[in-house]
Protein backbone atom coordinates (compact mmCIF):
# COMPACT_ATOMS: atom_id res chain seq x y z
CA MET A 1 0.02 -0.25 -0.15
CA THR A 2 1.20 3.39 -0.93
CA GLU A 3 -0.38 5.59 1.03
CA ASP A 4 0.86 6.73 4.77
CA VAL A 5 -1.31 5.24 7.45
CA ARG A 6 -3.30 8.55 8.43
CA ILE A 7 -5.66 6.25 10.61
CA PRO A 8 -3.75 3.92 12.60
CA PRO A 9 -5.65 0.54 13.99
CA LEU A 10 -6.09 0.78 17.83
CA ARG A 11 -3.74 -0.78 19.95
CA GLU A 12 -4.81 -2.86 22.87
CA ASP A 13 -3.92 -0.13 25.23
CA GLU A 14 -6.37 2.24 23.93
CA TRP A 15 -9.30 -0.09 23.64
CA ASN A 16 -12.10 1.34 25.94
CA ASP A 17 -14.72 -1.00 27.19
CA ALA A 18 -16.94 -0.74 24.43
CA GLN A 19 -14.19 -1.26 21.56
CA ARG A 20 -12.43 -4.33 23.63
CA ALA A 21 -15.74 -6.09 23.73
CA MET A 22 -16.24 -5.90 19.59
CA LEU A 23 -12.18 -6.48 19.32
CA GLN A 24 -12.13 -9.43 21.20
CA TYR A 25 -15.26 -10.74 19.66
CA ALA A 26 -13.09 -10.11 16.09
CA TYR A 27 -10.93 -12.11 17.82
CA GLN A 28 -12.56 -14.96 18.61
CA LYS A 29 -14.23 -15.16 15.03
CA GLY A 30 -10.99 -15.53 13.35
CA GLY A 31 -8.27 -12.86 14.52
CA PHE A 32 -7.61 -8.99 14.58
CA TYR A 33 -7.18 -7.28 11.18
CA ASN A 34 -6.36 -3.59 10.74
CA VAL A 35 -9.72 -2.81 8.88
CA ILE A 36 -11.02 -4.02 12.51
CA GLY A 37 -9.26 -1.83 14.36
CA THR A 38 -8.97 1.06 12.57
CA LEU A 39 -13.19 1.04 11.53
CA ALA A 40 -13.25 0.70 15.72
CA ARG A 41 -11.69 4.01 16.37
CA HIS A 42 -15.12 5.22 15.44
CA GLU A 43 -17.74 2.77 17.51
CA GLU A 44 -21.07 3.93 16.31
CA ALA A 45 -20.06 4.15 12.53
CA SER A 46 -18.42 0.59 12.93
CA ALA A 47 -21.00 -1.12 14.60
CA ARG A 48 -23.55 -0.17 11.81
CA LEU A 49 -21.03 -0.88 8.65
CA GLY A 50 -20.30 -3.77 10.28
CA GLN A 51 -24.35 -4.70 10.39
CA VAL A 52 -24.17 -4.41 6.26
CA GLY A 53 -21.05 -6.15 6.50
CA ALA A 54 -22.39 -8.97 8.34
CA HIS A 55 -25.06 -9.48 5.75
CA VAL A 56 -23.11 -9.09 2.59
CA LEU A 57 -20.75 -11.72 3.70
CA GLY A 58 -23.01 -13.64 6.12
CA PRO A 59 -25.40 -16.39 5.98
CA THR A 60 -28.45 -13.61 5.07
CA SER A 61 -26.76 -12.89 1.88
CA THR A 62 -28.64 -14.61 -1.08
CA LEU A 63 -25.77 -14.29 -3.21
CA PRO A 64 -23.65 -17.50 -3.31
CA PRO A 65 -20.16 -17.12 -1.85
CA ARG A 66 -18.12 -17.29 -5.05
CA ASP A 67 -20.36 -14.85 -6.95
CA ARG A 68 -19.93 -12.39 -4.15
CA GLU A 69 -16.28 -12.87 -4.01
CA LEU A 70 -16.41 -12.13 -7.75
CA LEU A 71 -18.33 -9.05 -7.08
CA ILE A 72 -16.18 -7.97 -4.16
CA LEU A 73 -12.87 -8.61 -6.46
CA ARG A 74 -13.64 -6.54 -9.42
CA THR A 75 -15.01 -3.74 -6.70
CA ALA A 76 -11.88 -4.14 -5.06
CA TRP A 77 -9.70 -3.77 -8.49
CA LEU A 78 -11.94 -1.05 -9.90
CA CYS A 79 -11.30 0.78 -6.88
CA GLY A 80 -7.69 0.06 -6.59
CA ALA A 81 -8.21 -1.04 -3.17
CA GLU A 82 -5.35 -3.12 -2.27
CA TYR A 83 -6.38 -3.75 1.34
CA GLU A 84 -9.85 -5.00 0.26
CA TRP A 85 -8.07 -7.32 -2.99
CA ALA A 86 -5.51 -8.83 -0.56
CA GLN A 87 -8.09 -10.00 2.11
CA HIS A 88 -10.93 -11.01 -0.67
CA VAL A 89 -8.34 -13.21 -2.51
CA GLN A 90 -7.92 -15.25 0.22
CA ILE A 91 -11.75 -15.26 0.85
CA GLY A 92 -12.46 -15.89 -2.55
CA ARG A 93 -10.24 -18.87 -2.54
CA LYS A 94 -12.28 -20.28 0.25
CA ALA A 95 -14.82 -19.80 -1.79
CA GLY A 96 -13.87 -21.63 -4.63
CA LEU A 97 -12.34 -19.00 -6.71
CA ARG A 98 -9.80 -20.55 -8.72
CA GLU A 99 -6.54 -18.50 -9.43
CA ASP A 100 -7.21 -17.96 -12.76
CA GLU A 101 -10.49 -16.70 -11.89
CA ILE A 102 -9.16 -14.15 -9.71
CA GLN A 103 -6.67 -12.97 -11.91
CA HIS A 104 -9.69 -12.36 -14.55
CA CYS A 105 -11.18 -10.14 -12.02
CA ARG A 106 -8.62 -7.70 -13.09
CA ARG A 107 -9.90 -7.69 -17.01
CA GLY A 108 -13.16 -7.19 -16.87
CA PRO A 109 -16.38 -8.41 -18.28
CA ASP A 110 -15.07 -8.53 -22.07
CA ASP A 111 -12.37 -11.03 -21.21
CA PRO A 112 -13.16 -14.42 -23.29
CA ASP A 113 -12.26 -16.61 -20.80
CA TRP A 114 -14.89 -16.07 -18.29
CA PRO A 115 -18.28 -17.78 -18.43
CA ALA A 116 -21.24 -16.07 -19.73
CA PHE A 117 -22.97 -15.42 -16.34
CA ASP A 118 -19.62 -14.55 -14.41
CA ALA A 119 -19.29 -12.15 -17.14
CA TRP A 120 -22.32 -10.45 -16.42
CA LEU A 121 -21.65 -10.61 -12.71
CA ILE A 122 -18.23 -8.34 -13.49
CA ARG A 123 -20.24 -6.28 -15.88
CA ALA A 124 -22.86 -5.49 -13.16
CA ALA A 125 -19.96 -4.09 -11.02
CA ASP A 126 -18.32 -2.29 -13.88
CA GLU A 127 -21.44 -0.63 -14.41
CA LEU A 128 -22.48 0.03 -10.50
CA HIS A 129 -19.06 1.32 -10.18
CA ALA A 130 -18.92 3.63 -13.63
CA ASP A 131 -23.08 5.06 -13.24
CA GLN A 132 -24.26 3.53 -9.82
CA ARG A 133 -26.68 1.56 -11.31
CA ILE A 134 -27.15 -1.61 -13.51
CA GLY A 135 -28.06 -1.33 -16.96
CA ASP A 136 -31.13 -2.77 -18.33
CA VAL A 137 -29.22 -5.38 -20.58
CA THR A 138 -27.27 -6.57 -17.87
CA TRP A 139 -30.10 -6.42 -15.25
CA ALA A 140 -31.92 -8.93 -17.60
CA ALA A 141 -29.11 -11.28 -17.85
CA LEU A 142 -28.71 -11.56 -14.26
CA ALA A 143 -32.52 -11.99 -13.72
CA GLU A 144 -32.26 -15.05 -15.85
CA ARG A 145 -30.65 -16.56 -12.92
CA TYR A 146 -31.14 -14.28 -9.66
CA ASP A 147 -34.20 -13.91 -7.89
CA THR A 148 -35.08 -10.43 -6.60
CA LEU A 149 -33.24 -10.30 -3.38
CA GLN A 150 -30.18 -11.91 -4.95
CA LEU A 151 -30.22 -8.89 -7.74
CA MET A 152 -30.73 -6.59 -4.70
CA ASP A 153 -27.71 -8.40 -3.11
CA VAL A 154 -25.73 -7.74 -5.88
CA VAL A 155 -25.82 -3.92 -5.52
CA PHE A 156 -25.71 -4.11 -1.69
CA ALA A 157 -22.09 -6.31 -2.06
CA VAL A 158 -20.70 -3.80 -4.33
CA GLY A 159 -22.12 -0.49 -2.73
CA GLN A 160 -20.30 -1.81 0.48
CA TYR A 161 -17.11 -2.58 -0.70
CA THR A 162 -16.93 0.61 -2.65
CA LEU A 163 -17.54 1.87 0.86
CA VAL A 164 -15.00 0.07 2.37
CA ALA A 165 -12.92 0.70 -0.12
CA MET A 166 -13.01 4.62 0.08
CA ALA A 167 -12.40 4.48 3.72
CA LEU A 168 -9.44 2.26 3.83
CA LYS A 169 -7.86 3.91 1.17
CA SER A 170 -8.54 7.42 3.05
CA PHE A 171 -7.86 6.15 6.33
CA GLY A 172 -4.19 4.76 4.76
CA THR A 173 -5.13 1.23 6.42
CA PRO A 174 -2.27 -1.19 5.74
CA LEU A 175 -2.34 -4.60 4.89
CA ASP A 176 -2.50 -7.31 7.28
CA GLU A 177 0.62 -8.81 8.09
CA GLY A 178 1.26 -12.02 5.62
CA LEU A 179 -1.04 -10.27 2.92
CA ALA A 180 0.26 -9.52 -0.75
CA GLY A 181 -1.28 -6.74 -2.41
CA PHE A 182 -1.89 -6.32 -6.02
């Protein structure tokens, strides 16, 4: 990450009681990540962002995890969000993405190696990034496979990770140890 750290992740000696409860929960769920430590500085916003994030990544999302990760990786690439990319390369692998599919997220929807539906997902992320709207043709293509809630979750996934990209890049959140950026 080339940006300077503007808002560093909280150190354990800085935690207040509410932050301690939130951050200890994060440790129990899989470890301390700089994104969590940084966002925890703003307790109210972090709690609310966490609710949306928990939906997008959790069991209430209607998207298959693999599809969700294609959307997030493409969004991270479009936003130039190195932290988000690094984290979701790992998450994408766990969701079933192959290395070549992860790398295709850099190329866009016209890459001939995409299966048709994956290309429509990537195009949806591109359209949301460029126009803040999925175009009619792309919407219709996605609607051939997705129901209404899944179509909504496409927008929520790209929107959530666009917001996260803006925050992490503006705050200069450093990559977690052991992660590779772009």
